[in-house]
All heavy atoms as atom14 arrays in JSON, in Angstrom:
{
  "sequence": "ALVGAGIAGLGSALAPDLITLVVMRVVAGAFFGAIVPTSLTYVG",
  "atom14_mask": [
    [1, 1, 1, 1, 1, 0, 0, 0, 0, 0, 0, 0, 0, 0],
    [1, 1, 1, 1, 1, 1, 1, 1, 0, 0, 0, 0, 0, 0],
    [1, 1, 1, 1, 1, 1, 1, 0, 0, 0, 0, 0, 0, 0],
    [1, 1, 1, 1, 0, 0, 0, 0, 0, 0, 0, 0, 0, 0],
    [1, 1, 1, 1, 1, 0, 0, 0, 0, 0, 0, 0, 0, 0],
    [1, 1, 1, 1, 0, 0, 0, 0, 0, 0, 0, 0, 0, 0],
    [1, 1, 1, 1, 1, 1, 1, 1, 0, 0, 0, 0, 0, 0],
    [1, 1, 1, 1, 1, 0, 0, 0, 0, 0, 0, 0, 0, 0],
    [1, 1, 1, 1, 0, 0, 0, 0, 0, 0, 0, 0, 0, 0],
    [1, 1, 1, 1, 1, 1, 1, 1, 0, 0, 0, 0, 0, 0],
    [1, 1, 1, 1, 0, 0, 0, 0, 0, 0, 0, 0, 0, 0],
    [1, 1, 1, 1, 1, 1, 0, 0, 0, 0, 0, 0, 0, 0],
    [1, 1, 1, 1, 1, 0, 0, 0, 0, 0, 0, 0, 0, 0],
    [1, 1, 1, 1, 1, 1, 1, 1, 0, 0, 0, 0, 0, 0],
    [1, 1, 1, 1, 1, 0, 0, 0, 0, 0, 0, 0, 0, 0],
    [1, 1, 1, 1, 1, 1, 1, 0, 0, 0, 0, 0, 0, 0],
    [1, 1, 1, 1, 1, 1, 1, 1, 0, 0, 0, 0, 0, 0],
    [1, 1, 1, 1, 1, 1, 1, 1, 0, 0, 0, 0, 0, 0],
    [1, 1, 1, 1, 1, 1, 1, 1, 0, 0, 0, 0, 0, 0],
    [1, 1, 1, 1, 1, 1, 1, 0, 0, 0, 0, 0, 0, 0],
    [1, 1, 1, 1, 1, 1, 1, 1, 0, 0, 0, 0, 0, 0],
    [1, 1, 1, 1, 1, 1, 1, 0, 0, 0, 0, 0, 0, 0],
    [1, 1, 1, 1, 1, 1, 1, 0, 0, 0, 0, 0, 0, 0],
    [1, 1, 1, 1, 1, 1, 1, 1, 0, 0, 0, 0, 0, 0],
    [1, 1, 1, 1, 1, 1, 1, 1, 1, 1, 1, 0, 0, 0],
    [1, 1, 1, 1, 1, 1, 1, 0, 0, 0, 0, 0, 0, 0],
    [1, 1, 1, 1, 1, 1, 1, 0, 0, 0, 0, 0, 0, 0],
    [1, 1, 1, 1, 1, 0, 0, 0, 0, 0, 0, 0, 0, 0],
    [1, 1, 1, 1, 0, 0, 0, 0, 0, 0, 0, 0, 0, 0],
    [1, 1, 1, 1, 1, 0, 0, 0, 0, 0, 0, 0, 0, 0],
    [1, 1, 1, 1, 1, 1, 1, 1, 1, 1, 1, 0, 0, 0],
    [1, 1, 1, 1, 1, 1, 1, 1, 1, 1, 1, 0, 0, 0],
    [1, 1, 1, 1, 0, 0, 0, 0, 0, 0, 0, 0, 0, 0],
    [1, 1, 1, 1, 1, 0, 0, 0, 0, 0, 0, 0, 0, 0],
    [1, 1, 1, 1, 1, 1, 1, 1, 0, 0, 0, 0, 0, 0],
    [1, 1, 1, 1, 1, 1, 1, 0, 0, 0, 0, 0, 0, 0],
    [1, 1, 1, 1, 1, 1, 1, 0, 0, 0, 0, 0, 0, 0],
    [1, 1, 1, 1, 1, 1, 1, 0, 0, 0, 0, 0, 0, 0],
    [1, 1, 1, 1, 1, 1, 0, 0, 0, 0, 0, 0, 0, 0],
    [1, 1, 1, 1, 1, 1, 1, 1, 0, 0, 0, 0, 0, 0],
    [1, 1, 1, 1, 1, 1, 1, 0, 0, 0, 0, 0, 0, 0],
    [1, 1, 1, 1, 1, 1, 1, 1, 1, 1, 1, 1, 0, 0],
    [1, 1, 1, 1, 1, 1, 1, 0, 0, 0, 0, 0, 0, 0],
    [1, 1, 1, 1, 0, 0, 0, 0, 0, 0, 0, 0, 0, 0]
  ],
  "atom14_positions": [
    [[150.31, 102.93, 94.17], [151.44, 102.14, 93.7], [152.23, 102.89, 92.62], [153.46, 102.84, 92.59], [150.96, 100.8, 93.16], [0.0, 0.0, 0.0], [0.0, 0.0, 0.0], [0.0, 0.0, 0.0], [0.0, 0.0, 0.0], [0.0, 0.0, 0.0], [0.0, 0.0, 0.0], [0.0, 0.0, 0.0], [0.0, 0.0, 0.0], [0.0, 0.0, 0.0]],
    [[151.53, 103.6, 91.74], [152.22, 104.35, 90.69], [153.05, 105.49, 91.28], [154.16, 105.77, 90.81], [151.19, 104.91, 89.7], [150.6, 103.89, 88.72], [149.37, 104.47, 88.03], [151.64, 103.45, 87.69], [0.0, 0.0, 0.0], [0.0, 0.0, 0.0], [0.0, 0.0, 0.0], [0.0, 0.0, 0.0], [0.0, 0.0, 0.0], [0.0, 0.0, 0.0]],
    [[152.52, 106.14, 92.31], [153.31, 107.19, 92.97], [154.56, 106.58, 93.61], [155.67, 107.11, 93.45], [152.46, 107.92, 94.03], [153.34, 108.84, 94.88], [151.35, 108.72, 93.36], [0.0, 0.0, 0.0], [0.0, 0.0, 0.0], [0.0, 0.0, 0.0], [0.0, 0.0, 0.0], [0.0, 0.0, 0.0], [0.0, 0.0, 0.0], [0.0, 0.0, 0.0]],
    [[154.37, 105.45, 94.31], [155.53, 104.8, 94.92], [156.55, 104.35, 93.89], [157.76, 104.52, 94.07], [0.0, 0.0, 0.0], [0.0, 0.0, 0.0], [0.0, 0.0, 0.0], [0.0, 0.0, 0.0], [0.0, 0.0, 0.0], [0.0, 0.0, 0.0], [0.0, 0.0, 0.0], [0.0, 0.0, 0.0], [0.0, 0.0, 0.0], [0.0, 0.0, 0.0]],
    [[156.07, 103.78, 92.77], [156.97, 103.33, 91.71], [157.69, 104.51, 91.07], [158.89, 104.42, 90.76], [156.18, 102.56, 90.65], [0.0, 0.0, 0.0], [0.0, 0.0, 0.0], [0.0, 0.0, 0.0], [0.0, 0.0, 0.0], [0.0, 0.0, 0.0], [0.0, 0.0, 0.0], [0.0, 0.0, 0.0], [0.0, 0.0, 0.0], [0.0, 0.0, 0.0]],
    [[156.97, 105.62, 90.87], [157.59, 106.79, 90.28], [158.7, 107.36, 91.15], [159.79, 107.7, 90.66], [0.0, 0.0, 0.0], [0.0, 0.0, 0.0], [0.0, 0.0, 0.0], [0.0, 0.0, 0.0], [0.0, 0.0, 0.0], [0.0, 0.0, 0.0], [0.0, 0.0, 0.0], [0.0, 0.0, 0.0], [0.0, 0.0, 0.0], [0.0, 0.0, 0.0]],
    [[158.45, 107.45, 92.45], [159.47, 107.96, 93.37], [160.68, 107.02, 93.39], [161.84, 107.47, 93.35], [158.88, 108.13, 94.78], [157.83, 109.24, 94.78], [159.97, 108.43, 95.8], [157.05, 109.37, 96.08], [0.0, 0.0, 0.0], [0.0, 0.0, 0.0], [0.0, 0.0, 0.0], [0.0, 0.0, 0.0], [0.0, 0.0, 0.0], [0.0, 0.0, 0.0]],
    [[160.43, 105.71, 93.44], [161.53, 104.75, 93.44], [162.3, 104.79, 92.13], [163.53, 104.63, 92.11], [160.99, 103.34, 93.69], [0.0, 0.0, 0.0], [0.0, 0.0, 0.0], [0.0, 0.0, 0.0], [0.0, 0.0, 0.0], [0.0, 0.0, 0.0], [0.0, 0.0, 0.0], [0.0, 0.0, 0.0], [0.0, 0.0, 0.0], [0.0, 0.0, 0.0]],
    [[161.59, 105.03, 91.01], [162.27, 105.13, 89.72], [163.18, 106.34, 89.66], [164.31, 106.27, 89.15], [0.0, 0.0, 0.0], [0.0, 0.0, 0.0], [0.0, 0.0, 0.0], [0.0, 0.0, 0.0], [0.0, 0.0, 0.0], [0.0, 0.0, 0.0], [0.0, 0.0, 0.0], [0.0, 0.0, 0.0], [0.0, 0.0, 0.0], [0.0, 0.0, 0.0]],
    [[162.71, 107.48, 90.18], [163.56, 108.67, 90.23], [164.75, 108.45, 91.16], [165.87, 108.9, 90.88], [162.74, 109.88, 90.67], [161.65, 110.34, 89.7], [160.86, 111.48, 90.3], [162.26, 110.74, 88.35], [0.0, 0.0, 0.0], [0.0, 0.0, 0.0], [0.0, 0.0, 0.0], [0.0, 0.0, 0.0], [0.0, 0.0, 0.0], [0.0, 0.0, 0.0]],
    [[164.5, 107.73, 92.27], [165.61, 107.38, 93.16], [166.63, 106.5, 92.46], [167.84, 106.63, 92.69], [0.0, 0.0, 0.0], [0.0, 0.0, 0.0], [0.0, 0.0, 0.0], [0.0, 0.0, 0.0], [0.0, 0.0, 0.0], [0.0, 0.0, 0.0], [0.0, 0.0, 0.0], [0.0, 0.0, 0.0], [0.0, 0.0, 0.0], [0.0, 0.0, 0.0]],
    [[166.16, 105.59, 91.59], [167.07, 104.75, 90.82], [167.94, 105.6, 89.9], [169.15, 105.37, 89.77], [166.27, 103.74, 89.98], [165.47, 102.91, 90.78], [0.0, 0.0, 0.0], [0.0, 0.0, 0.0], [0.0, 0.0, 0.0], [0.0, 0.0, 0.0], [0.0, 0.0, 0.0], [0.0, 0.0, 0.0], [0.0, 0.0, 0.0], [0.0, 0.0, 0.0]],
    [[167.33, 106.58, 89.25], [168.07, 107.44, 88.33], [169.14, 108.27, 89.04], [170.14, 108.64, 88.43], [167.11, 108.36, 87.59], [0.0, 0.0, 0.0], [0.0, 0.0, 0.0], [0.0, 0.0, 0.0], [0.0, 0.0, 0.0], [0.0, 0.0, 0.0], [0.0, 0.0, 0.0], [0.0, 0.0, 0.0], [0.0, 0.0, 0.0], [0.0, 0.0, 0.0]],
    [[168.91, 108.54, 90.33], [169.85, 109.39, 91.09], [170.77, 108.59, 92.0], [171.57, 109.18, 92.74], [169.05, 110.39, 91.94], [168.16, 111.38, 91.17], [167.29, 112.18, 92.15], [169.0, 112.31, 90.31], [0.0, 0.0, 0.0], [0.0, 0.0, 0.0], [0.0, 0.0, 0.0], [0.0, 0.0, 0.0], [0.0, 0.0, 0.0], [0.0, 0.0, 0.0]],
    [[170.69, 107.26, 91.96], [171.45, 106.41, 92.88], [172.95, 106.68, 92.78], [173.52, 106.63, 91.68], [171.15, 104.95, 92.61], [0.0, 0.0, 0.0], [0.0, 0.0, 0.0], [0.0, 0.0, 0.0], [0.0, 0.0, 0.0], [0.0, 0.0, 0.0], [0.0, 0.0, 0.0], [0.0, 0.0, 0.0], [0.0, 0.0, 0.0], [0.0, 0.0, 0.0]],
    [[173.62, 106.92, 93.92], [175.06, 107.21, 93.88], [175.94, 105.97, 93.87], [177.14, 106.06, 93.59], [175.27, 108.01, 95.18], [174.24, 107.45, 96.12], [173.04, 107.13, 95.27], [0.0, 0.0, 0.0], [0.0, 0.0, 0.0], [0.0, 0.0, 0.0], [0.0, 0.0, 0.0], [0.0, 0.0, 0.0], [0.0, 0.0, 0.0], [0.0, 0.0, 0.0]],
    [[175.37, 104.81, 94.2], [176.17, 103.59, 94.24], [175.27, 102.39, 93.94], [174.04, 102.52, 93.87], [176.86, 103.42, 95.61], [175.89, 103.54, 96.77], [174.89, 102.8, 96.79], [176.12, 104.39, 97.67], [0.0, 0.0, 0.0], [0.0, 0.0, 0.0], [0.0, 0.0, 0.0], [0.0, 0.0, 0.0], [0.0, 0.0, 0.0], [0.0, 0.0, 0.0]],
    [[175.9, 101.23, 93.78], [175.15, 100.05, 93.39], [174.16, 99.6, 94.46], [173.03, 99.21, 94.14], [176.11, 98.9, 93.06], [175.45, 97.6, 92.59], [174.69, 97.82, 91.3], [176.49, 96.49, 92.43], [0.0, 0.0, 0.0], [0.0, 0.0, 0.0], [0.0, 0.0, 0.0], [0.0, 0.0, 0.0], [0.0, 0.0, 0.0], [0.0, 0.0, 0.0]],
    [[174.56, 99.67, 95.72], [173.66, 99.21, 96.79], [172.39, 100.05, 96.8], [171.27, 99.51, 96.89], [174.38, 99.3, 98.16], [175.52, 98.29, 98.22], [173.38, 99.03, 99.29], [176.33, 98.34, 99.49], [0.0, 0.0, 0.0], [0.0, 0.0, 0.0], [0.0, 0.0, 0.0], [0.0, 0.0, 0.0], [0.0, 0.0, 0.0], [0.0, 0.0, 0.0]],
    [[172.53, 101.36, 96.69], [171.35, 102.22, 96.64], [170.49, 101.9, 95.44], [169.25, 101.86, 95.53], [171.78, 103.7, 96.6], [172.61, 103.99, 97.73], [170.56, 104.61, 96.61], [0.0, 0.0, 0.0], [0.0, 0.0, 0.0], [0.0, 0.0, 0.0], [0.0, 0.0, 0.0], [0.0, 0.0, 0.0], [0.0, 0.0, 0.0], [0.0, 0.0, 0.0]],
    [[171.14, 101.64, 94.31], [170.39, 101.33, 93.09], [169.61, 100.03, 93.26], [168.45, 99.93, 92.86], [171.34, 101.23, 91.9], [170.69, 100.89, 90.55], [169.62, 101.91, 90.19], [171.76, 100.82, 89.45], [0.0, 0.0, 0.0], [0.0, 0.0, 0.0], [0.0, 0.0, 0.0], [0.0, 0.0, 0.0], [0.0, 0.0, 0.0], [0.0, 0.0, 0.0]],
    [[170.24, 99.03, 93.85], [169.56, 97.74, 94.07], [168.32, 97.95, 94.96], [167.23, 97.43, 94.67], [170.51, 96.71, 94.7], [169.73, 95.47, 95.16], [171.59, 96.31, 93.71], [0.0, 0.0, 0.0], [0.0, 0.0, 0.0], [0.0, 0.0, 0.0], [0.0, 0.0, 0.0], [0.0, 0.0, 0.0], [0.0, 0.0, 0.0], [0.0, 0.0, 0.0]],
    [[168.5, 98.71, 96.04], [167.37, 98.97, 96.95], [166.24, 99.69, 96.22], [165.06, 99.33, 96.34], [167.84, 99.79, 98.17], [166.64, 100.23, 99.0], [168.8, 98.98, 99.02], [0.0, 0.0, 0.0], [0.0, 0.0, 0.0], [0.0, 0.0, 0.0], [0.0, 0.0, 0.0], [0.0, 0.0, 0.0], [0.0, 0.0, 0.0], [0.0, 0.0, 0.0]],
    [[166.59, 100.7, 95.44], [165.57, 101.46, 94.71], [164.85, 100.59, 93.69], [163.64, 100.7, 93.48], [166.21, 102.66, 94.01], [166.64, 103.79, 94.93], [165.23, 104.61, 95.76], [165.27, 103.79, 97.35], [0.0, 0.0, 0.0], [0.0, 0.0, 0.0], [0.0, 0.0, 0.0], [0.0, 0.0, 0.0], [0.0, 0.0, 0.0], [0.0, 0.0, 0.0]],
    [[165.61, 99.69, 93.02], [164.98, 98.81, 92.03], [164.07, 97.78, 92.7], [163.03, 97.41, 92.16], [166.03, 98.09, 91.18], [166.86, 99.01, 90.3], [166.04, 100.05, 89.6], [165.13, 99.47, 88.59], [164.09, 100.09, 88.09], [163.76, 101.31, 88.49], [163.33, 99.49, 87.19], [0.0, 0.0, 0.0], [0.0, 0.0, 0.0], [0.0, 0.0, 0.0]],
    [[164.44, 97.31, 93.88], [163.58, 96.4, 94.62], [162.27, 97.09, 94.98], [161.17, 96.53, 94.81], [164.29, 95.87, 95.89], [163.29, 95.17, 96.82], [165.4, 94.91, 95.51], [0.0, 0.0, 0.0], [0.0, 0.0, 0.0], [0.0, 0.0, 0.0], [0.0, 0.0, 0.0], [0.0, 0.0, 0.0], [0.0, 0.0, 0.0], [0.0, 0.0, 0.0]],
    [[162.36, 98.33, 95.46], [161.16, 99.09, 95.81], [160.31, 99.35, 94.56], [159.08, 99.19, 94.58], [161.54, 100.41, 96.5], [160.3, 101.26, 96.76], [162.27, 100.13, 97.81], [0.0, 0.0, 0.0], [0.0, 0.0, 0.0], [0.0, 0.0, 0.0], [0.0, 0.0, 0.0], [0.0, 0.0, 0.0], [0.0, 0.0, 0.0], [0.0, 0.0, 0.0]],
    [[160.96, 99.72, 93.46], [160.23, 99.96, 92.22], [159.52, 98.69, 91.75], [158.36, 98.73, 91.32], [161.18, 100.47, 91.13], [0.0, 0.0, 0.0], [0.0, 0.0, 0.0], [0.0, 0.0, 0.0], [0.0, 0.0, 0.0], [0.0, 0.0, 0.0], [0.0, 0.0, 0.0], [0.0, 0.0, 0.0], [0.0, 0.0, 0.0], [0.0, 0.0, 0.0]],
    [[160.21, 97.55, 91.83], [159.59, 96.29, 91.42], [158.39, 95.94, 92.28], [157.37, 95.47, 91.77], [0.0, 0.0, 0.0], [0.0, 0.0, 0.0], [0.0, 0.0, 0.0], [0.0, 0.0, 0.0], [0.0, 0.0, 0.0], [0.0, 0.0, 0.0], [0.0, 0.0, 0.0], [0.0, 0.0, 0.0], [0.0, 0.0, 0.0], [0.0, 0.0, 0.0]],
    [[158.51, 96.19, 93.57], [157.39, 95.89, 94.47], [156.17, 96.74, 94.12], [155.04, 96.23, 94.07], [157.81, 96.15, 95.92], [0.0, 0.0, 0.0], [0.0, 0.0, 0.0], [0.0, 0.0, 0.0], [0.0, 0.0, 0.0], [0.0, 0.0, 0.0], [0.0, 0.0, 0.0], [0.0, 0.0, 0.0], [0.0, 0.0, 0.0], [0.0, 0.0, 0.0]],
    [[156.38, 98.03, 93.85], [155.25, 98.91, 93.52], [154.71, 98.66, 92.12], [153.49, 98.59, 91.92], [155.65, 100.38, 93.68], [155.6, 100.87, 95.1], [156.75, 101.26, 95.76], [154.4, 100.94, 95.78], [156.71, 101.72, 97.08], [154.33, 101.4, 97.1], [155.5, 101.79, 97.75], [0.0, 0.0, 0.0], [0.0, 0.0, 0.0], [0.0, 0.0, 0.0]],
    [[155.59, 98.53, 91.13], [155.12, 98.26, 89.78], [154.4, 96.92, 89.7], [153.54, 96.72, 88.83], [156.27, 98.29, 88.78], [156.5, 99.64, 88.16], [157.75, 100.26, 88.24], [155.48, 100.3, 87.48], [157.97, 101.5, 87.66], [155.69, 101.55, 86.89], [156.94, 102.15, 86.98], [0.0, 0.0, 0.0], [0.0, 0.0, 0.0], [0.0, 0.0, 0.0]],
    [[154.75, 96.0, 90.59], [154.08, 94.7, 90.61], [152.6, 94.78, 90.89], [151.86, 93.83, 90.6], [0.0, 0.0, 0.0], [0.0, 0.0, 0.0], [0.0, 0.0, 0.0], [0.0, 0.0, 0.0], [0.0, 0.0, 0.0], [0.0, 0.0, 0.0], [0.0, 0.0, 0.0], [0.0, 0.0, 0.0], [0.0, 0.0, 0.0], [0.0, 0.0, 0.0]],
    [[152.13, 95.89, 91.43], [150.71, 96.04, 91.73], [149.89, 96.39, 90.5], [148.67, 96.17, 90.48], [150.51, 97.14, 92.78], [0.0, 0.0, 0.0], [0.0, 0.0, 0.0], [0.0, 0.0, 0.0], [0.0, 0.0, 0.0], [0.0, 0.0, 0.0], [0.0, 0.0, 0.0], [0.0, 0.0, 0.0], [0.0, 0.0, 0.0], [0.0, 0.0, 0.0]],
    [[150.51, 96.91, 89.45], [149.75, 97.54, 88.37], [149.05, 96.54, 87.46], [147.83, 96.63, 87.25], [150.68, 98.46, 87.54], [151.37, 99.48, 88.45], [149.86, 99.15, 86.45], [150.43, 100.29, 89.31], [0.0, 0.0, 0.0], [0.0, 0.0, 0.0], [0.0, 0.0, 0.0], [0.0, 0.0, 0.0], [0.0, 0.0, 0.0], [0.0, 0.0, 0.0]],
    [[149.78, 95.6, 86.91], [149.18, 94.7, 85.93], [148.07, 93.84, 86.53], [146.95, 93.79, 85.99], [150.25, 93.84, 85.24], [149.6, 92.74, 84.39], [151.15, 94.71, 84.37], [0.0, 0.0, 0.0], [0.0, 0.0, 0.0], [0.0, 0.0, 0.0], [0.0, 0.0, 0.0], [0.0, 0.0, 0.0], [0.0, 0.0, 0.0], [0.0, 0.0, 0.0]],
    [[148.31, 93.14, 87.66], [147.2, 92.33, 88.19], [145.99, 93.16, 88.6], [144.85, 92.73, 88.43], [147.82, 91.61, 89.4], [149.03, 92.4, 89.75], [149.53, 92.97, 88.46], [0.0, 0.0, 0.0], [0.0, 0.0, 0.0], [0.0, 0.0, 0.0], [0.0, 0.0, 0.0], [0.0, 0.0, 0.0], [0.0, 0.0, 0.0], [0.0, 0.0, 0.0]],
    [[146.22, 94.37, 89.13], [145.09, 95.21, 89.51], [144.35, 95.73, 88.28], [143.12, 95.86, 88.29], [145.57, 96.38, 90.38], [146.37, 95.89, 91.45], [144.39, 97.13, 90.98], [0.0, 0.0, 0.0], [0.0, 0.0, 0.0], [0.0, 0.0, 0.0], [0.0, 0.0, 0.0], [0.0, 0.0, 0.0], [0.0, 0.0, 0.0], [0.0, 0.0, 0.0]],
    [[145.1, 96.0, 87.21], [144.45, 96.4, 85.95], [143.59, 95.26, 85.41], [142.45, 95.48, 84.96], [145.51, 96.78, 84.91], [146.27, 97.88, 85.32], [0.0, 0.0, 0.0], [0.0, 0.0, 0.0], [0.0, 0.0, 0.0], [0.0, 0.0, 0.0], [0.0, 0.0, 0.0], [0.0, 0.0, 0.0], [0.0, 0.0, 0.0], [0.0, 0.0, 0.0]],
    [[144.11, 94.05, 85.47], [143.33, 92.9, 85.02], [142.07, 92.72, 85.87], [140.99, 92.42, 85.36], [144.19, 91.63, 85.1], [145.43, 91.59, 84.2], [146.27, 90.36, 84.53], [145.05, 91.6, 82.74], [0.0, 0.0, 0.0], [0.0, 0.0, 0.0], [0.0, 0.0, 0.0], [0.0, 0.0, 0.0], [0.0, 0.0, 0.0], [0.0, 0.0, 0.0]],
    [[142.23, 92.93, 87.18], [141.09, 92.81, 88.07], [140.06, 93.9, 87.78], [138.85, 93.64, 87.82], [141.55, 92.9, 89.53], [142.57, 91.93, 89.76], [140.4, 92.65, 90.49], [0.0, 0.0, 0.0], [0.0, 0.0, 0.0], [0.0, 0.0, 0.0], [0.0, 0.0, 0.0], [0.0, 0.0, 0.0], [0.0, 0.0, 0.0], [0.0, 0.0, 0.0]],
    [[140.54, 95.1, 87.49], [139.63, 96.2, 87.13], [138.78, 95.82, 85.92], [137.58, 96.05, 85.88], [140.43, 97.47, 86.85], [139.57, 98.67, 86.52], [139.18, 99.56, 87.51], [139.14, 98.89, 85.21], [138.37, 100.65, 87.2], [138.34, 99.97, 84.9], [137.95, 100.85, 85.89], [137.15, 101.91, 85.59], [0.0, 0.0, 0.0], [0.0, 0.0, 0.0]],
    [[139.43, 95.21, 84.92], [138.68, 94.76, 83.74], [137.66, 93.7, 84.14], [136.51, 93.71, 83.68], [139.65, 94.21, 82.67], [138.88, 93.51, 81.55], [140.49, 95.34, 82.09], [0.0, 0.0, 0.0], [0.0, 0.0, 0.0], [0.0, 0.0, 0.0], [0.0, 0.0, 0.0], [0.0, 0.0, 0.0], [0.0, 0.0, 0.0], [0.0, 0.0, 0.0]],
    [[138.06, 92.79, 85.02], [137.13, 91.77, 85.48], [135.94, 92.37, 86.21], [134.82, 91.85, 86.13], [0.0, 0.0, 0.0], [0.0, 0.0, 0.0], [0.0, 0.0, 0.0], [0.0, 0.0, 0.0], [0.0, 0.0, 0.0], [0.0, 0.0, 0.0], [0.0, 0.0, 0.0], [0.0, 0.0, 0.0], [0.0, 0.0, 0.0], [0.0, 0.0, 0.0]]
  ]
}
């Protein structure tokens, strides 16, 4: 998930237009969404 989020984040930084940026941010949100709950589960 971190690799996917990192690639999507770099894509966001390079986005040439708003539509591309929205798509990249959606992908980044989907991947970053895995981190906190999985970290909490790891602690559990």
